[in-house]
Amino acid sequence: MFRLSDKGEKIQEMFGTIAPRYDFLNRMLSFGIDRRWRKKAVQLLKYHDGCRILDVATGTGDVALEIARVTPSSVRITGADFCREMVDLGQIKAAESPYSDRIDFTVAPCEDLPFADDTFDSITIAFGIRNVVDRVLGLAEMRRVLRPGGRMIILEFSTPRSHLFRQIYYFYFRRLLPVIGGLFSTYNAYKYLPDSVLEFPSHESFARMIEDTGFHNVHVTELTFGIASIYVGEKK
């Protein structure tokens, strides 16, 4: 059984703490733009009747539900997350949705997915790859469970290229966001968010990491002045 590192356990505990306010704060702190970003990522899925799609770091299931909304009723969706509290909330949301018979959940880290090789036709991970301590192992695991010709779609925060917009972004991210998040949840959790984004590799470095893991046709799309980016790669 995979054992999280000390850092991984702390991140897992942090998400468990903020789970009850997670959806509310996502909407408020992103001014609702996060929904549009998720929809854009889901539009890039490869799927067909009867296929299976995996949403890694599913959190409370927002992406899993969006996938169910836009795909045929024969498509099965699995959400995986290393935080039990997040998964519990996702199960409640799915059960209350019209897609309850198409979505299932499991508690598992990205580095140790409990699925057989070549299981899924597409894999998504939204705002979760930066929380994976061993990203190379996480990418390798996603590639392992992806079918040949399948597609991986990663949506993640990124650093804007424009110097002016980057300064505005840094001010909001570093100064305002932790304070606002702390009013409704935990200050340290919303200080971790900007810290983890600023530590994340550049577009070029992360795209190269994806390629080095064995994906091909890798490309990057920047969203909203580069606040977020979508990385796409396919399994040979």
C-alpha atoms as a PDB file:
ATOM      1  CA  MET A   1       0.000   0.000   0.000  1.00  0.00           C
ATOM      2  CA  PHE A   2       1.281   3.471  -0.927  1.00  0.00           C
ATOM      3  CA  ARG A   3       2.209   5.610   2.056  1.00  0.00           C
ATOM      4  CA  LEU A   4       1.985   9.374   1.778  1.00  0.00           C
ATOM      5  CA  SER A   5       5.052  11.380   2.732  1.00  0.00           C
ATOM      6  CA  ASP A   6       4.874  13.680   5.754  1.00  0.00           C
ATOM      7  CA  LYS A   7       4.210  16.559   3.362  1.00  0.00           C
ATOM      8  CA  GLY A   8       1.482  14.589   1.627  1.00  0.00           C
ATOM      9  CA  GLU A   9      -0.187  13.761   4.939  1.00  0.00           C
ATOM     10  CA  LYS A  10      -0.188  17.433   5.936  1.00  0.00           C
ATOM     11  CA  ILE A  11      -1.760  18.432   2.615  1.00  0.00           C
ATOM     12  CA  GLN A  12      -4.346  15.660   3.000  1.00  0.00           C
ATOM     13  CA  GLU A  13      -5.196  16.843   6.528  1.00  0.00           C
ATOM     14  CA  MET A  14      -5.448  20.455   5.343  1.00  0.00           C
ATOM     15  CA  PHE A  15      -7.978  19.565   2.642  1.00  0.00           C
ATOM     16  CA  GLY A  16      -9.968  17.547   5.149  1.00  0.00           C
ATOM     17  CA  THR A  17     -10.185  20.629   7.344  1.00  0.00           C
ATOM     18  CA  ILE A  18     -11.373  23.001   4.607  1.00  0.00           C
ATOM     19  CA  ALA A  19     -13.697  20.510   2.867  1.00  0.00           C
ATOM     20  CA  PRO A  20     -16.968  21.910   4.300  1.00  0.00           C
ATOM     21  CA  ARG A  21     -16.280  25.399   2.877  1.00  0.00           C
ATOM     22  CA  TYR A  22     -14.306  24.333  -0.182  1.00  0.00           C
ATOM     23  CA  ASP A  23     -16.970  24.808  -2.871  1.00  0.00           C
ATOM     24  CA  PHE A  24     -18.178  28.117  -1.471  1.00  0.00           C
ATOM     25  CA  LEU A  25     -14.679  29.578  -1.285  1.00  0.00           C
ATOM     26  CA  ASN A  26     -13.746  28.296  -4.752  1.00  0.00           C
ATOM     27  CA  ARG A  27     -16.668  30.214  -6.243  1.00  0.00           C
ATOM     28  CA  MET A  28     -16.071  33.358  -4.200  1.00  0.00           C
ATOM     29  CA  LEU A  29     -12.284  33.604  -4.483  1.00  0.00           C
ATOM     30  CA  SER A  30     -12.236  32.925  -8.224  1.00  0.00           C
ATOM     31  CA  PHE A  31     -15.297  35.126  -8.871  1.00  0.00           C
ATOM     32  CA  GLY A  32     -16.911  32.037 -10.400  1.00  0.00           C
ATOM     33  CA  ILE A  33     -14.339  31.775 -13.199  1.00  0.00           C
ATOM     34  CA  ASP A  34     -13.262  28.328 -11.987  1.00  0.00           C
ATOM     35  CA  ARG A  35     -16.501  26.871 -13.391  1.00  0.00           C
ATOM     36  CA  ARG A  36     -15.699  28.187 -16.860  1.00  0.00           C
ATOM     37  CA  TRP A  37     -12.158  26.793 -16.651  1.00  0.00           C
ATOM     38  CA  ARG A  38     -13.471  23.346 -15.710  1.00  0.00           C
ATOM     39  CA  LYS A  39     -15.914  23.380 -18.614  1.00  0.00           C
ATOM     40  CA  LYS A  40     -13.102  24.232 -21.037  1.00  0.00           C
ATOM     41  CA  ALA A  41     -11.025  21.346 -19.719  1.00  0.00           C
ATOM     42  CA  VAL A  42     -13.910  18.889 -20.005  1.00  0.00           C
ATOM     43  CA  GLN A  43     -14.519  19.967 -23.609  1.00  0.00           C
ATOM     44  CA  LEU A  44     -11.153  18.395 -24.486  1.00  0.00           C
ATOM     45  CA  LEU A  45     -12.141  14.880 -23.389  1.00  0.00           C
ATOM     46  CA  LYS A  46     -11.877  11.901 -25.734  1.00  0.00           C
ATOM     47  CA  TYR A  47     -14.844   9.600 -25.214  1.00  0.00           C
ATOM     48  CA  HIS A  48     -17.287   7.256 -26.910  1.00  0.00           C
ATOM     49  CA  ASP A  49     -20.358   5.277 -25.915  1.00  0.00           C
ATOM     50  CA  GLY A  50     -19.656   2.919 -23.053  1.00  0.00           C
ATOM     51  CA  CYS A  51     -16.216   4.304 -22.219  1.00  0.00           C
ATOM     52  CA  ARG A  52     -14.775   5.057 -18.785  1.00  0.00           C
ATOM     53  CA  ILE A  53     -13.364   8.391 -17.589  1.00  0.00           C
ATOM     54  CA  LEU A  54     -11.328   9.014 -14.447  1.00  0.00           C
ATOM     55  CA  ASP A  55     -11.214  12.306 -12.554  1.00  0.00           C
ATOM     56  CA  VAL A  56      -8.149  12.364 -10.299  1.00  0.00           C
ATOM     57  CA  ALA A  57      -8.036  14.724  -7.283  1.00  0.00           C
ATOM     58  CA  THR A  58     -11.780  14.956  -7.784  1.00  0.00           C
ATOM     59  CA  GLY A  59     -12.343  16.888  -4.562  1.00  0.00           C
ATOM     60  CA  THR A  60     -16.091  17.366  -4.148  1.00  0.00           C
ATOM     61  CA  GLY A  61     -16.779  16.070  -7.642  1.00  0.00           C
ATOM     62  CA  ASP A  62     -17.294  19.243  -9.687  1.00  0.00           C
ATOM     63  CA  VAL A  63     -15.406  17.952 -12.730  1.00  0.00           C
ATOM     64  CA  ALA A  64     -16.936  14.475 -12.466  1.00  0.00           C
ATOM     65  CA  LEU A  65     -20.410  16.038 -12.526  1.00  0.00           C
ATOM     66  CA  GLU A  66     -19.514  18.252 -15.479  1.00  0.00           C
ATOM     67  CA  ILE A  67     -18.219  15.213 -17.373  1.00  0.00           C
ATOM     68  CA  ALA A  68     -21.494  13.406 -16.694  1.00  0.00           C
ATOM     69  CA  ARG A  69     -23.454  16.429 -17.909  1.00  0.00           C
ATOM     70  CA  VAL A  70     -21.783  16.568 -21.340  1.00  0.00           C
ATOM     71  CA  THR A  71     -21.233  12.867 -22.111  1.00  0.00           C
ATOM     72  CA  PRO A  72     -23.662  10.117 -23.187  1.00  0.00           C
ATOM     73  CA  SER A  73     -25.517   8.225 -20.467  1.00  0.00           C
ATOM     74  CA  SER A  74     -23.464   5.095 -21.257  1.00  0.00           C
ATOM     75  CA  VAL A  75     -20.218   6.767 -20.099  1.00  0.00           C
ATOM     76  CA  ARG A  76     -19.064   5.816 -16.594  1.00  0.00           C
ATOM     77  CA  ILE A  77     -17.115   8.300 -14.457  1.00  0.00           C
ATOM     78  CA  THR A  78     -14.905   7.529 -11.469  1.00  0.00           C
ATOM     79  CA  GLY A  79     -13.668  10.205  -9.081  1.00  0.00           C
ATOM     80  CA  ALA A  80     -10.535   9.536  -7.025  1.00  0.00           C
ATOM     81  CA  ASP A  81      -9.127  11.699  -4.252  1.00  0.00           C
ATOM     82  CA  PHE A  82      -6.758  11.146  -1.341  1.00  0.00           C
ATOM     83  CA  CYS A  83      -8.988  13.091   1.068  1.00  0.00           C
ATOM     84  CA  ARG A  84     -11.897  11.119   2.544  1.00  0.00           C
ATOM     85  CA  GLU A  85     -13.755  14.255   3.628  1.00  0.00           C
ATOM     86  CA  MET A  86     -13.751  15.615   0.063  1.00  0.00           C
ATOM     87  CA  VAL A  87     -14.908  12.282  -1.366  1.00  0.00           C
ATOM     88  CA  ASP A  88     -17.770  12.098   1.148  1.00  0.00           C
ATOM     89  CA  LEU A  89     -19.027  15.489  -0.054  1.00  0.00           C
ATOM     90  CA  GLY A  90     -18.627  14.431  -3.686  1.00  0.00           C
ATOM     91  CA  GLN A  91     -20.727  11.335  -3.078  1.00  0.00           C
ATOM     92  CA  ILE A  92     -23.512  13.460  -1.587  1.00  0.00           C
ATOM     93  CA  LYS A  93     -23.460  15.861  -4.558  1.00  0.00           C
ATOM     94  CA  ALA A  94     -23.490  12.992  -7.057  1.00  0.00           C
ATOM     95  CA  ALA A  95     -26.332  11.227  -5.227  1.00  0.00           C
ATOM     96  CA  GLU A  96     -28.422  14.416  -5.439  1.00  0.00           C
ATOM     97  CA  SER A  97     -27.690  14.860  -9.157  1.00  0.00           C
ATOM     98  CA  PRO A  98     -29.341  13.262 -12.212  1.00  0.00           C
ATOM     99  CA  TYR A  99     -26.097  11.293 -12.757  1.00  0.00           C
ATOM    100  CA  SER A 100     -25.971   9.244  -9.556  1.00  0.00           C
ATOM    101  CA  ASP A 101     -25.987   5.927 -11.442  1.00  0.00           C
ATOM    102  CA  ARG A 102     -22.976   6.935 -13.581  1.00  0.00           C
ATOM    103  CA  ILE A 103     -20.489   8.287 -11.029  1.00  0.00           C
ATOM    104  CA  ASP A 104     -18.579   6.353  -8.382  1.00  0.00           C
ATOM    105  CA  PHE A 105     -15.818   7.466  -6.038  1.00  0.00           C
ATOM    106  CA  THR A 106     -12.749   5.988  -4.412  1.00  0.00           C
ATOM    107  CA  VAL A 107     -10.256   7.300  -1.870  1.00  0.00           C
ATOM    108  CA  ALA A 108      -6.785   7.074  -3.421  1.00  0.00           C
ATOM    109  CA  PRO A 109      -3.767   9.293  -4.091  1.00  0.00           C
ATOM    110  CA  CYS A 110      -2.655  10.105  -7.618  1.00  0.00           C
ATOM    111  CA  GLU A 111       0.580   8.195  -6.995  1.00  0.00           C
ATOM    112  CA  ASP A 112      -1.253   4.904  -6.301  1.00  0.00           C
ATOM    113  CA  LEU A 113      -4.431   4.553  -8.379  1.00  0.00           C
ATOM    114  CA  PRO A 114      -6.288   1.289  -7.585  1.00  0.00           C
ATOM    115  CA  PHE A 115      -7.114   0.409 -11.192  1.00  0.00           C
ATOM    116  CA  ALA A 116      -5.800  -2.050 -13.744  1.00  0.00           C
ATOM    117  CA  ASP A 117      -3.584  -0.970 -16.613  1.00  0.00           C
ATOM    118  CA  ASP A 118      -5.329   0.512 -19.667  1.00  0.00           C
ATOM    119  CA  THR A 119      -8.688   1.077 -17.925  1.00  0.00           C
ATOM    120  CA  PHE A 120      -9.764   4.616 -18.860  1.00  0.00           C
ATOM    121  CA  ASP A 121     -10.276   6.419 -22.168  1.00  0.00           C
ATOM    122  CA  SER A 122      -9.655   9.870 -20.653  1.00  0.00           C
ATOM    123  CA  ILE A 123      -8.298  11.190 -17.369  1.00  0.00           C
ATOM    124  CA  THR A 124      -8.801  14.643 -15.893  1.00  0.00           C
ATOM    125  CA  ILE A 125      -7.170  16.328 -12.912  1.00  0.00           C
ATOM    126  CA  ALA A 126      -8.219  19.876 -12.053  1.00  0.00           C
ATOM    127  CA  PHE A 127      -6.240  22.013  -9.589  1.00  0.00           C
ATOM    128  CA  GLY A 128      -4.753  18.889  -8.082  1.00  0.00           C
ATOM    129  CA  ILE A 129      -1.429  18.092  -9.725  1.00  0.00           C
ATOM    130  CA  ARG A 130       0.414  20.756  -7.729  1.00  0.00           C
ATOM    131  CA  ASN A 131      -0.681  18.934  -4.537  1.00  0.00           C
ATOM    132  CA  VAL A 132       0.864  15.661  -5.733  1.00  0.00           C
ATOM    133  CA  VAL A 133       4.176  15.413  -3.893  1.00  0.00           C
ATOM    134  CA  ASP A 134       5.751  12.959  -6.366  1.00  0.00           C
ATOM    135  CA  ARG A 135       4.455  14.410  -9.653  1.00  0.00           C
ATOM    136  CA  VAL A 136       6.527  12.129 -11.853  1.00  0.00           C
ATOM    137  CA  LEU A 137       5.039   9.064 -10.141  1.00  0.00           C
ATOM    138  CA  GLY A 138       1.563  10.614 -10.317  1.00  0.00           C
ATOM    139  CA  LEU A 139       1.885  11.249 -14.051  1.00  0.00           C
ATOM    140  CA  ALA A 140       3.225   7.710 -14.566  1.00  0.00           C
ATOM    141  CA  GLU A 141       0.251   6.261 -12.681  1.00  0.00           C
ATOM    142  CA  MET A 142      -2.221   8.217 -14.786  1.00  0.00           C
ATOM    143  CA  ARG A 143      -0.466   7.024 -17.927  1.00  0.00           C
ATOM    144  CA  ARG A 144      -0.548   3.427 -16.668  1.00  0.00           C
ATOM    145  CA  VAL A 145      -4.340   3.350 -16.182  1.00  0.00           C
ATOM    146  CA  LEU A 146      -4.992   5.229 -19.436  1.00  0.00           C
ATOM    147  CA  ARG A 147      -5.760   3.184 -22.534  1.00  0.00           C
ATOM    148  CA  PRO A 148      -3.473   3.500 -25.579  1.00  0.00           C
ATOM    149  CA  GLY A 149      -4.661   6.516 -27.552  1.00  0.00           C
ATOM    150  CA  GLY A 150      -6.338   7.910 -24.430  1.00  0.00           C
ATOM    151  CA  ARG A 151      -6.018  11.502 -23.331  1.00  0.00           C
ATOM    152  CA  MET A 152      -4.941  13.122 -20.050  1.00  0.00           C
ATOM    153  CA  ILE A 153      -6.155  16.658 -19.323  1.00  0.00           C
ATOM    154  CA  ILE A 154      -4.601  18.693 -16.510  1.00  0.00           C
ATOM    155  CA  LEU A 155      -6.115  22.017 -15.409  1.00  0.00           C
ATOM    156  CA  GLU A 156      -3.899  23.965 -13.024  1.00  0.00           C
ATOM    157  CA  PHE A 157      -3.177  27.453 -11.789  1.00  0.00           C
ATOM    158  CA  SER A 158      -0.204  29.118 -13.438  1.00  0.00           C
ATOM    159  CA  THR A 159       1.752  32.368 -13.399  1.00  0.00           C
ATOM    160  CA  PRO A 160       0.728  35.056 -15.928  1.00  0.00           C
ATOM    161  CA  ARG A 161       3.420  36.039 -18.426  1.00  0.00           C
ATOM    162  CA  SER A 162       2.451  39.741 -18.514  1.00  0.00           C
ATOM    163  CA  HIS A 163       4.547  41.659 -15.973  1.00  0.00           C
ATOM    164  CA  LEU A 164       1.726  44.094 -15.102  1.00  0.00           C
ATOM    165  CA  PHE A 165      -0.953  41.444 -14.741  1.00  0.00           C
ATOM    166  CA  ARG A 166       1.470  39.244 -12.805  1.00  0.00           C
ATOM    167  CA  GLN A 167       1.948  41.990 -10.202  1.00  0.00           C
ATOM    168  CA  ILE A 168      -1.803  42.438  -9.782  1.00  0.00           C
ATOM    169  CA  TYR A 169      -2.212  38.672  -9.572  1.00  0.00           C
ATOM    170  CA  TYR A 170       0.546  38.328  -6.964  1.00  0.00           C
ATOM    171  CA  PHE A 171      -0.999  41.046  -4.802  1.00  0.00           C
ATOM    172  CA  TYR A 172      -4.391  39.337  -4.802  1.00  0.00           C
ATOM    173  CA  PHE A 173      -2.956  35.856  -4.407  1.00  0.00           C
ATOM    174  CA  ARG A 174      -0.391  36.633  -1.712  1.00  0.00           C
ATOM    175  CA  ARG A 175      -2.086  39.389   0.276  1.00  0.00           C
ATOM    176  CA  LEU A 176      -5.859  39.291  -0.144  1.00  0.00           C
ATOM    177  CA  LEU A 177      -6.713  35.643  -0.789  1.00  0.00           C
ATOM    178  CA  PRO A 178      -5.292  34.200   2.474  1.00  0.00           C
ATOM    179  CA  VAL A 179      -7.085  36.864   4.523  1.00  0.00           C
ATOM    180  CA  ILE A 180     -10.434  36.341   2.795  1.00  0.00           C
ATOM    181  CA  GLY A 181     -10.048  32.567   2.960  1.00  0.00           C
ATOM    182  CA  GLY A 182      -9.147  32.814   6.640  1.00  0.00           C
ATOM    183  CA  LEU A 183     -12.371  34.664   7.418  1.00  0.00           C
ATOM    184  CA  PHE A 184     -14.452  31.705   6.246  1.00  0.00           C
ATOM    185  CA  SER A 185     -12.080  28.777   6.712  1.00  0.00           C
ATOM    186  CA  THR A 186      -8.405  28.318   7.639  1.00  0.00           C
ATOM    187  CA  TYR A 187      -5.832  31.049   6.975  1.00  0.00           C
ATOM    188  CA  ASN A 188      -2.912  28.626   6.568  1.00  0.00           C
ATOM    189  CA  ALA A 189      -4.791  26.596   3.951  1.00  0.00           C
ATOM    190  CA  TYR A 190      -5.369  29.665   1.800  1.00  0.00           C
ATOM    191  CA  LYS A 191      -1.792  30.776   2.306  1.00  0.00           C
ATOM    192  CA  TYR A 192      -0.718  27.348   1.036  1.00  0.00           C
ATOM    193  CA  LEU A 193      -2.650  27.902  -2.213  1.00  0.00           C
ATOM    194  CA  PRO A 194      -0.570  30.827  -3.536  1.00  0.00           C
ATOM    195  CA  ASP A 195       2.638  29.297  -2.184  1.00  0.00           C
ATOM    196  CA  SER A 196       1.970  26.029  -4.044  1.00  0.00           C
ATOM    197  CA  VAL A 197       1.105  27.865  -7.276  1.00  0.00           C
ATOM    198  CA  LEU A 198       4.223  30.021  -7.179  1.00  0.00           C
ATOM    199  CA  GLU A 199       6.371  26.919  -6.585  1.00  0.00           C
ATOM    200  CA  PHE A 200       4.821  25.058  -9.533  1.00  0.00           C
ATOM    201  CA  PRO A 201       7.046  24.556 -12.612  1.00  0.00           C
ATOM    202  CA  SER A 202       6.800  26.842 -15.634  1.00  0.00           C
ATOM    203  CA  HIS A 203       4.643  25.853 -18.608  1.00  0.00           C
ATOM    204  CA  GLU A 204       7.694  24.644 -20.480  1.00  0.00           C
ATOM    205  CA  SER A 205       9.143  22.654 -17.574  1.00  0.00           C
ATOM    206  CA  PHE A 206       5.890  20.935 -16.711  1.00  0.00           C
ATOM    207  CA  ALA A 207       5.094  20.138 -20.349  1.00  0.00           C
ATOM    208  CA  ARG A 208       8.553  18.571 -20.612  1.00  0.00           C
ATOM    209  CA  MET A 209       7.872  16.527 -17.451  1.00  0.00           C
ATOM    210  CA  ILE A 210       4.672  15.216 -19.056  1.00  0.00           C
ATOM    211  CA  GLU A 211       6.568  14.255 -22.213  1.00  0.00           C
ATOM    212  CA  ASP A 212       9.349  12.608 -20.204  1.00  0.00           C
ATOM    213  CA  THR A 213       6.717  10.431 -18.518  1.00  0.00           C
ATOM    214  CA  GLY A 214       5.803   8.985 -21.908  1.00  0.00           C
ATOM    215  CA  PHE A 215       2.962  11.160 -23.149  1.00  0.00           C
ATOM    216  CA  HIS A 216       2.985  12.607 -26.644  1.00  0.00           C
ATOM    217  CA  ASN A 217       1.047  15.312 -28.520  1.00  0.00           C
ATOM    218  CA  VAL A 218       1.544  17.473 -25.423  1.00  0.00           C
ATOM    219  CA  HIS A 219       0.262  21.019 -25.676  1.00  0.00           C
ATOM    220  CA  VAL A 220      -0.583  23.867 -23.320  1.00  0.00           C
ATOM    221  CA  THR A 221      -3.470  26.359 -23.449  1.00  0.00           C
ATOM    222  CA  GLU A 222      -3.421  29.438 -21.220  1.00  0.00           C
ATOM    223  CA  LEU A 223      -6.691  30.699 -19.726  1.00  0.00           C
ATOM    224  CA  THR A 224      -7.668  34.184 -18.476  1.00  0.00           C
ATOM    225  CA  PHE A 225      -4.333  35.944 -19.060  1.00  0.00           C
ATOM    226  CA  GLY A 226      -2.434  32.889 -17.858  1.00  0.00           C
ATOM    227  CA  ILE A 227      -4.007  32.596 -14.386  1.00  0.00           C
ATOM    228  CA  ALA A 228      -4.758  28.984 -15.233  1.00  0.00           C
ATOM    229  CA  SER A 229      -3.531  26.588 -17.923  1.00  0.00           C
ATOM    230  CA  ILE A 230      -4.680  23.346 -19.494  1.00  0.00           C
ATOM    231  CA  TYR A 231      -2.072  20.681 -20.304  1.00  0.00           C
ATOM    232  CA  VAL A 232      -3.070  17.868 -22.656  1.00  0.00           C
ATOM    233  CA  GLY A 233      -1.130  14.716 -23.382  1.00  0.00           C
ATOM    234  CA  GLU A 234      -1.958  11.390 -25.022  1.00  0.00           C
ATOM    235  CA  LYS A 235      -0.745   7.856 -24.422  1.00  0.00           C
ATOM    236  CA  LYS A 236       1.019   6.280 -27.373  1.00  0.00           C
END
